Amino acid sequence: MRKCLAFGYIILVVNLTSCSTVVYKSSSEIPVAISKRSCCKDNFVVEGVTNFYLWGVVPAERTVWLDHEIRENAMTAGAHLVIEEYQTMYSLFLTLISFGMYFPVNYKIIGQGEKISIR
C-alpha cells in the first residue's frame, strides 16, 4: 500500500513541477509580422501538434518556425498573427492513458497573408 501511495505522490509531484515550452520564432525567410500589413489580405489557418514526453520534461523546449508554417500554406508573407495553444479531448485522453509519459500540445496559427502568385 505504501509503495502505491509513494508512486502516486511521485507522479503528482512530477506532473505539477514539470513544464513544456513551445517557442514560436521566425527565421526571416519570409516577412512575418504580428501587426497588420497592407500587402496581406488573404486569411489562413495553420494547425499543428508538438509532442512532449515524460510529463513535458523531454524535450524542455520545442520550436515552431512561423515562416515555415506560413509558407506551407502557400503564402509569401504573414501578418496579423494570432497563436492559440490548446489540448483536444483525444490529446487529453492520450496524456491520461500514458500517465503523462506522452503530452501533445496542439497549436493554431491564424493570420492574413499574401498568396503565392502563379504566372
Protein backbone atom coordinates (compact mmCIF):
# COMPACT_ATOMS: atom_id res chain seq x y z
CA MET A 1 0.00 0.00 0.00
CA ARG A 2 2.83 2.40 0.85
CA LYS A 3 4.51 1.72 -2.49
CA CYS A 4 1.31 2.66 -4.32
CA LEU A 5 0.99 5.86 -2.32
CA ALA A 6 4.64 6.75 -2.92
CA PHE A 7 4.28 6.10 -6.66
CA GLY A 8 1.11 8.23 -6.78
CA TYR A 9 2.87 11.03 -4.90
CA ILE A 10 5.86 10.95 -7.26
CA ILE A 11 3.56 11.08 -10.30
CA LEU A 12 1.69 14.03 -8.79
CA VAL A 13 4.86 15.95 -7.94
CA VAL A 14 6.38 15.40 -11.38
CA ASN A 15 3.16 16.48 -13.11
CA LEU A 16 2.98 19.65 -11.05
CA THR A 17 6.64 20.63 -11.38
CA SER A 18 7.46 19.82 -14.99
CA CYS A 19 6.67 22.17 -17.82
CA SER A 20 6.66 22.13 -21.58
CA THR A 21 7.51 25.20 -23.60
CA VAL A 22 6.64 25.87 -27.22
CA VAL A 23 8.62 28.75 -28.71
CA TYR A 24 7.32 30.47 -31.84
CA LYS A 25 10.10 32.00 -33.95
CA SER A 26 10.75 33.36 -37.42
CA SER A 27 13.93 32.72 -39.40
CA SER A 28 13.20 35.79 -41.56
CA GLU A 29 12.95 33.78 -44.79
CA ILE A 30 9.62 35.47 -45.49
CA PRO A 31 8.17 38.61 -43.88
CA VAL A 32 6.24 37.73 -40.71
CA ALA A 33 4.56 40.35 -38.52
CA ILE A 34 2.18 40.30 -35.59
CA SER A 35 0.59 43.59 -36.65
CA LYS A 36 -1.49 44.23 -39.79
CA ARG A 37 0.22 44.90 -43.12
CA SER A 38 -1.35 46.33 -46.25
CA CYS A 39 0.03 43.59 -48.56
CA CYS A 40 -1.56 40.73 -46.61
CA LYS A 41 -5.24 40.28 -47.40
CA ASP A 42 -5.81 36.51 -47.65
CA ASN A 43 -6.83 34.67 -44.46
CA PHE A 44 -5.19 31.42 -43.42
CA VAL A 45 -5.28 28.92 -40.54
CA VAL A 46 -2.46 26.50 -39.79
CA GLU A 47 -2.88 23.74 -37.21
CA GLY A 48 -0.19 21.51 -35.80
CA VAL A 49 0.93 19.36 -32.87
CA THR A 50 4.18 19.28 -30.94
CA ASN A 51 4.94 16.23 -28.82
CA PHE A 52 6.49 16.16 -25.37
CA TYR A 53 7.40 13.13 -23.28
CA LEU A 54 7.94 12.29 -19.61
CA TRP A 55 5.40 14.76 -18.23
CA GLY A 56 6.56 17.55 -20.54
CA VAL A 57 10.18 17.40 -19.40
CA VAL A 58 11.64 15.94 -22.64
CA PRO A 59 12.38 17.99 -24.66
CA ALA A 60 12.44 21.07 -22.49
CA GLU A 61 11.55 23.29 -25.44
CA ARG A 62 10.07 22.84 -28.92
CA THR A 63 10.41 25.46 -31.65
CA VAL A 64 7.71 26.17 -34.23
CA TRP A 65 9.07 28.17 -37.17
CA LEU A 66 6.31 30.59 -38.19
CA ASP A 67 7.65 31.33 -41.66
CA HIS A 68 7.91 27.61 -42.46
CA GLU A 69 4.32 27.01 -41.33
CA ILE A 70 3.06 30.04 -43.30
CA ARG A 71 4.99 29.03 -46.44
CA GLU A 72 3.50 25.52 -46.20
CA ASN A 73 0.13 27.24 -46.58
CA ALA A 74 1.21 28.78 -49.96
CA MET A 75 1.83 32.26 -48.57
CA THR A 76 4.79 34.56 -49.27
CA ALA A 77 4.16 36.78 -46.22
CA GLY A 78 2.24 36.62 -42.95
CA ALA A 79 0.75 39.33 -40.77
CA HIS A 80 -1.86 39.95 -38.08
CA LEU A 81 -0.93 36.64 -36.44
CA VAL A 82 -2.82 35.06 -33.56
CA ILE A 83 -1.38 31.92 -31.97
CA GLU A 84 -3.54 29.59 -29.87
CA GLU A 85 -2.37 26.59 -27.85
CA TYR A 86 -4.95 24.05 -26.79
CA GLN A 87 -5.49 20.41 -25.92
CA THR A 88 -8.17 18.30 -27.59
CA MET A 89 -10.12 15.60 -25.77
CA TYR A 90 -8.14 12.98 -27.72
CA SER A 91 -4.82 14.58 -26.63
CA LEU A 92 -6.00 14.69 -23.04
CA PHE A 93 -7.05 11.03 -23.27
CA LEU A 94 -3.60 10.05 -24.60
CA THR A 95 -1.91 12.00 -21.82
CA LEU A 96 -4.05 10.37 -19.12
CA ILE A 97 -3.81 6.84 -20.51
CA SER A 98 0.01 7.11 -20.68
CA PHE A 99 0.20 8.60 -17.15
CA GLY A 100 1.78 11.73 -18.61
CA MET A 101 4.55 9.92 -20.47
CA TYR A 102 3.18 11.38 -23.73
CA PHE A 103 1.99 15.00 -23.74
CA PRO A 104 0.89 16.51 -27.08
CA VAL A 105 0.37 20.28 -27.39
CA ASN A 106 -1.87 21.43 -30.24
CA TYR A 107 -1.43 24.88 -31.76
CA LYS A 108 -3.28 27.01 -34.27
CA ILE A 109 -1.80 29.96 -36.18
CA ILE A 110 -4.43 32.33 -37.57
CA GLY A 111 -3.47 35.26 -39.74
CA GLN A 112 -3.51 37.08 -43.02
CA GLY A 113 -1.04 36.52 -45.80
CA GLU A 114 -0.06 37.18 -49.34
CA LYS A 115 -0.69 34.17 -51.59
CA ILE A 116 1.98 32.90 -53.94
CA SER A 117 1.12 34.17 -57.41
CA ILE A 118 1.35 31.57 -60.15
CA ARG A 119 2.05 33.06 -63.56
